[in-house]
Amino acid sequence: MAKSASDAPAREAANGDGGESTGHEPLKPVNKGDIATIKHVLDNIFVEVVSDAEYPEDFSVTNLRMFLSVITCLIAAASHAPSLLLSEESLGRPVNFETDLAPVIWLCLGLYALGQASLIVLAYYVEKDNILFTKHRKGTFSGCGLRVATRMDRYCDQYNVEIGPNTNKFAGIFGVKEAEGSTKSETREFKKSITKWIDVDGNIAEDIVRKDMSKFVEAFETSQYKKSK
């Protein structure tokens, strides 16, 4: 496969020509046909860029998912408790499955199904394609944190980024106060071809990637500034 002109900037930066040091460990070359791996690497870089921009991460959704997962696991373990605790000696009669064990097992089964359904709803309606939720950063014109979602379609070289307000309704559960006016913010979408970031050998021009991603975040902040005027 011939090296195209569009790969030149990425190739030069990846080889250390024309780019400033990021201070991060150099990235290993990636398989350009492995979209999942490429997206994972770019997502990690984006998270670091937002973190370097001093946006504190909001873990409320993650905490809620972990809380539901732990509760669901405890419910599954509790379904075995009657068979371990009840015995003929403790009851003074033979253990009857229908009257002694079945009610607790059916109750735990129902609660377990409810817990699993809650996790599915959380993943489908809240987490979606989002890779990061942040809290409000002091000094910005946006009244809330960021919600960053990314997507790469199969057989497509476009890396799609959506930056919007973090109007997280679960934040209050974990002591994170949602900023006023957050619902008035607009979502911005950005697209970039990975051929501008990755050369034909799979080397990632991390300097260029970070600069472009920083511009994405700055463009969103600028839109919030214009909207506030």
Protein backbone atom coordinates (compact mmCIF):
# COMPACT_ATOMS: atom_id res chain seq x y z
CA MET A 1 0.00 0.00 0.00
CA ALA A 2 1.51 3.32 -1.10
CA LYS A 3 1.89 6.11 1.39
CA SER A 4 -0.48 8.92 0.46
CA ALA A 5 0.18 12.62 0.86
CA SER A 6 -2.51 12.80 3.53
CA ASP A 7 -0.41 10.47 5.69
CA ALA A 8 2.65 12.76 5.57
CA PRO A 9 1.81 14.98 8.60
CA ALA A 10 0.89 11.96 10.70
CA ARG A 11 4.01 10.09 9.59
CA GLU A 12 6.32 13.00 10.36
CA ALA A 13 4.81 13.65 13.81
CA ALA A 14 4.82 9.94 14.65
CA ASN A 15 8.52 9.81 13.77
CA GLY A 16 9.23 12.83 15.97
CA ASP A 17 9.53 15.39 13.17
CA GLY A 18 7.70 18.67 13.60
CA GLY A 19 5.93 17.82 16.86
CA GLU A 20 6.45 18.77 20.47
CA SER A 21 6.86 16.12 23.16
CA THR A 22 3.61 15.26 24.91
CA GLY A 23 5.29 14.00 28.07
CA HIS A 24 3.38 10.72 27.72
CA GLU A 25 4.71 7.27 26.94
CA PRO A 26 4.90 6.75 23.15
CA LEU A 27 2.01 4.76 21.74
CA LYS A 28 2.56 1.43 20.05
CA PRO A 29 1.64 1.11 16.35
CA VAL A 30 -1.92 -0.08 15.75
CA ASN A 31 -3.56 -2.19 13.07
CA LYS A 32 -5.43 0.28 10.87
CA GLY A 33 -8.05 -2.38 10.16
CA ASP A 34 -8.82 -2.88 13.86
CA ILE A 35 -11.41 -0.14 14.40
CA ALA A 36 -12.19 -1.20 17.98
CA THR A 37 -8.54 -0.90 19.08
CA ILE A 38 -8.08 2.43 17.28
CA LYS A 39 -11.21 3.84 18.93
CA HIS A 40 -10.05 2.60 22.33
CA VAL A 41 -6.65 4.30 21.94
CA LEU A 42 -8.18 7.57 20.71
CA ASP A 43 -10.78 7.50 23.50
CA ASN A 44 -8.02 7.17 26.10
CA ILE A 45 -6.18 10.13 24.59
CA PHE A 46 -9.37 12.22 24.61
CA VAL A 47 -9.97 11.43 28.28
CA GLU A 48 -6.40 12.55 29.06
CA VAL A 49 -6.87 15.77 27.04
CA VAL A 50 -10.03 16.67 28.95
CA SER A 51 -8.34 15.80 32.24
CA ASP A 52 -5.33 17.98 31.31
CA ALA A 53 -7.83 20.79 30.67
CA GLU A 54 -8.65 20.56 34.41
CA TYR A 55 -12.15 19.17 34.09
CA PRO A 56 -12.71 16.99 37.21
CA GLU A 57 -14.23 13.66 36.26
CA ASP A 58 -17.77 12.90 37.44
CA PHE A 59 -17.95 9.30 38.68
CA SER A 60 -21.63 9.35 39.67
CA VAL A 61 -22.79 7.13 36.79
CA THR A 62 -19.91 4.72 37.35
CA ASN A 63 -20.64 4.64 41.09
CA LEU A 64 -24.31 3.93 40.40
CA ARG A 65 -23.41 1.08 38.06
CA MET A 66 -21.02 -0.40 40.64
CA PHE A 67 -23.64 -0.02 43.38
CA LEU A 68 -26.28 -1.84 41.33
CA SER A 69 -23.78 -4.55 40.38
CA VAL A 70 -22.81 -5.19 44.02
CA ILE A 71 -26.45 -5.28 45.14
CA THR A 72 -27.31 -7.70 42.33
CA CYS A 73 -24.41 -9.99 43.28
CA LEU A 74 -25.46 -9.93 46.95
CA ILE A 75 -29.01 -10.86 45.95
CA ALA A 76 -27.69 -13.82 43.97
CA ALA A 77 -25.67 -14.95 46.99
CA ALA A 78 -28.65 -14.46 49.32
CA SER A 79 -30.73 -16.93 47.29
CA HIS A 80 -28.46 -19.72 48.58
CA ALA A 81 -28.76 -18.68 52.24
CA PRO A 82 -31.93 -20.66 53.14
CA SER A 83 -30.49 -23.97 51.94
CA LEU A 84 -27.34 -23.33 54.00
CA LEU A 85 -29.02 -22.04 57.16
CA LEU A 86 -32.10 -24.21 57.37
CA SER A 87 -31.73 -27.80 58.45
CA GLU A 88 -33.86 -30.53 59.96
CA GLU A 89 -32.18 -29.92 63.32
CA SER A 90 -32.95 -26.19 63.37
CA LEU A 91 -36.55 -26.64 62.24
CA GLY A 92 -37.30 -29.80 64.17
CA ARG A 93 -38.78 -31.28 60.98
CA PRO A 94 -37.67 -32.08 57.45
CA VAL A 95 -36.96 -29.06 55.25
CA ASN A 96 -39.79 -28.49 52.80
CA PHE A 97 -38.70 -26.90 49.53
CA GLU A 98 -42.05 -25.35 48.64
CA THR A 99 -42.68 -23.73 52.02
CA ASP A 100 -39.17 -23.12 53.38
CA LEU A 101 -36.94 -22.46 50.37
CA ALA A 102 -39.04 -21.56 47.34
CA PRO A 103 -40.43 -18.19 48.61
CA VAL A 104 -36.96 -16.80 49.32
CA ILE A 105 -35.53 -18.16 46.07
CA TRP A 106 -38.37 -16.66 44.00
CA LEU A 107 -38.02 -13.33 45.79
CA CYS A 108 -34.27 -13.21 45.14
CA LEU A 109 -34.82 -14.25 41.54
CA GLY A 110 -37.26 -11.37 41.03
CA LEU A 111 -34.93 -8.86 42.68
CA TYR A 112 -31.99 -10.17 40.65
CA ALA A 113 -33.93 -9.74 37.41
CA LEU A 114 -34.86 -6.21 38.48
CA GLY A 115 -31.22 -5.42 39.20
CA GLN A 116 -30.10 -6.73 35.82
CA ALA A 117 -32.84 -4.75 34.07
CA SER A 118 -31.69 -1.60 35.90
CA LEU A 119 -28.13 -2.13 34.66
CA ILE A 120 -29.36 -2.57 31.09
CA VAL A 121 -31.44 0.61 31.30
CA LEU A 122 -28.47 2.51 32.74
CA ALA A 123 -26.18 1.33 29.94
CA TYR A 124 -28.71 1.92 27.15
CA TYR A 125 -30.25 5.24 28.20
CA VAL A 126 -27.54 6.94 30.29
CA GLU A 127 -24.07 5.67 29.40
CA LYS A 128 -24.79 5.10 25.68
CA ASP A 129 -21.66 5.99 23.65
CA ASN A 130 -20.37 8.29 26.37
CA ILE A 131 -16.76 7.71 27.38
CA LEU A 132 -16.53 10.49 29.96
CA PHE A 133 -18.62 12.64 32.29
CA THR A 134 -17.04 15.61 34.03
CA LYS A 135 -18.02 18.14 36.65
CA HIS A 136 -18.09 21.89 36.09
CA ARG A 137 -14.68 23.49 35.65
CA LYS A 138 -14.20 26.85 37.30
CA GLY A 139 -13.59 29.68 34.88
CA THR A 140 -15.66 28.28 32.01
CA PHE A 141 -18.82 29.85 30.63
CA SER A 142 -20.68 26.56 30.54
CA GLY A 143 -22.82 26.09 33.62
CA CYS A 144 -22.06 22.39 33.85
CA GLY A 145 -19.49 19.72 33.12
CA LEU A 146 -18.88 17.89 29.88
CA ARG A 147 -20.40 14.76 28.43
CA VAL A 148 -18.12 13.23 25.81
CA ALA A 149 -19.36 10.56 23.42
CA THR A 150 -17.38 9.01 20.58
CA ARG A 151 -18.25 6.72 17.71
CA MET A 152 -16.48 5.00 14.84
CA ASP A 153 -18.59 3.15 12.33
CA ARG A 154 -17.35 -0.10 10.87
CA TYR A 155 -15.37 0.26 7.63
CA CYS A 156 -15.25 4.03 8.11
CA ASP A 157 -12.23 6.23 8.81
CA GLN A 158 -14.23 8.97 10.56
CA TYR A 159 -13.75 9.45 14.31
CA ASN A 160 -16.93 11.16 15.53
CA VAL A 161 -16.95 13.17 18.74
CA GLU A 162 -19.96 14.63 20.48
CA ILE A 163 -19.39 17.08 23.33
CA GLY A 164 -22.36 18.28 25.31
CA PRO A 165 -23.45 19.36 28.78
CA ASN A 166 -23.35 16.79 31.55
CA THR A 167 -26.95 17.04 32.72
CA ASN A 168 -26.51 14.00 34.90
CA LYS A 169 -29.68 13.37 36.94
CA PHE A 170 -27.90 10.83 39.15
CA ALA A 171 -25.25 13.30 40.31
CA GLY A 172 -27.20 14.42 43.36
CA ILE A 173 -27.31 10.89 44.73
CA PHE A 174 -23.55 10.99 45.18
CA GLY A 175 -23.21 14.57 46.36
CA VAL A 176 -22.45 16.16 43.00
CA LYS A 177 -24.52 19.28 42.54
CA GLU A 178 -25.77 19.87 39.01
CA ALA A 179 -25.01 23.38 37.86
CA GLU A 180 -27.85 25.73 37.06
CA GLY A 181 -28.56 26.50 33.43
CA SER A 182 -26.95 23.28 32.19
CA THR A 183 -29.93 22.36 30.05
CA LYS A 184 -29.44 25.52 28.00
CA SER A 185 -26.09 24.34 26.64
CA GLU A 186 -25.81 22.96 23.15
CA THR A 187 -24.22 19.75 21.98
CA ARG A 188 -21.43 20.07 19.42
CA GLU A 189 -20.29 17.38 17.00
CA PHE A 190 -16.87 17.04 15.43
CA LYS A 191 -15.49 14.62 12.86
CA LYS A 192 -11.93 13.78 11.89
CA SER A 193 -10.46 11.21 9.55
CA ILE A 194 -7.98 8.91 11.31
CA THR A 195 -5.78 9.12 8.20
CA LYS A 196 -4.80 12.57 9.52
CA TRP A 197 -3.59 10.98 12.77
CA ILE A 198 -2.32 7.53 11.82
CA ASP A 199 0.11 6.70 9.00
CA VAL A 200 0.00 3.57 6.82
CA ASP A 201 2.32 1.77 9.25
CA GLY A 202 -0.09 2.30 12.14
CA ASN A 203 2.00 4.91 13.95
CA ILE A 204 -0.13 7.46 15.80
CA ALA A 205 0.82 11.13 15.62
CA GLU A 206 -0.07 11.76 19.24
CA ASP A 207 0.96 15.44 19.17
CA ILE A 208 -1.45 16.16 16.33
CA VAL A 209 -4.19 14.07 17.93
CA ARG A 210 -3.94 15.97 21.22
CA LYS A 211 -3.89 19.36 19.49
CA ASP A 212 -6.98 18.53 17.43
CA MET A 213 -8.82 17.15 20.44
CA SER A 214 -7.93 20.24 22.47
CA LYS A 215 -9.39 22.33 19.65
CA PHE A 216 -12.60 20.27 19.88
CA VAL A 217 -12.92 21.11 23.58
CA GLU A 218 -12.02 24.77 23.02
CA ALA A 219 -14.61 25.03 20.23
CA PHE A 220 -17.28 23.76 22.61
CA GLU A 221 -16.20 26.24 25.29
CA THR A 222 -16.28 29.06 22.72
CA SER A 223 -19.81 28.13 21.72
CA GLN A 224 -20.85 28.34 25.37
CA TYR A 225 -19.21 31.77 25.67
CA LYS A 226 -21.08 33.06 22.61
CA LYS A 227 -24.32 31.62 23.91
CA SER A 228 -23.88 33.32 27.30
CA LYS A 229 -23.46 36.79 25.77
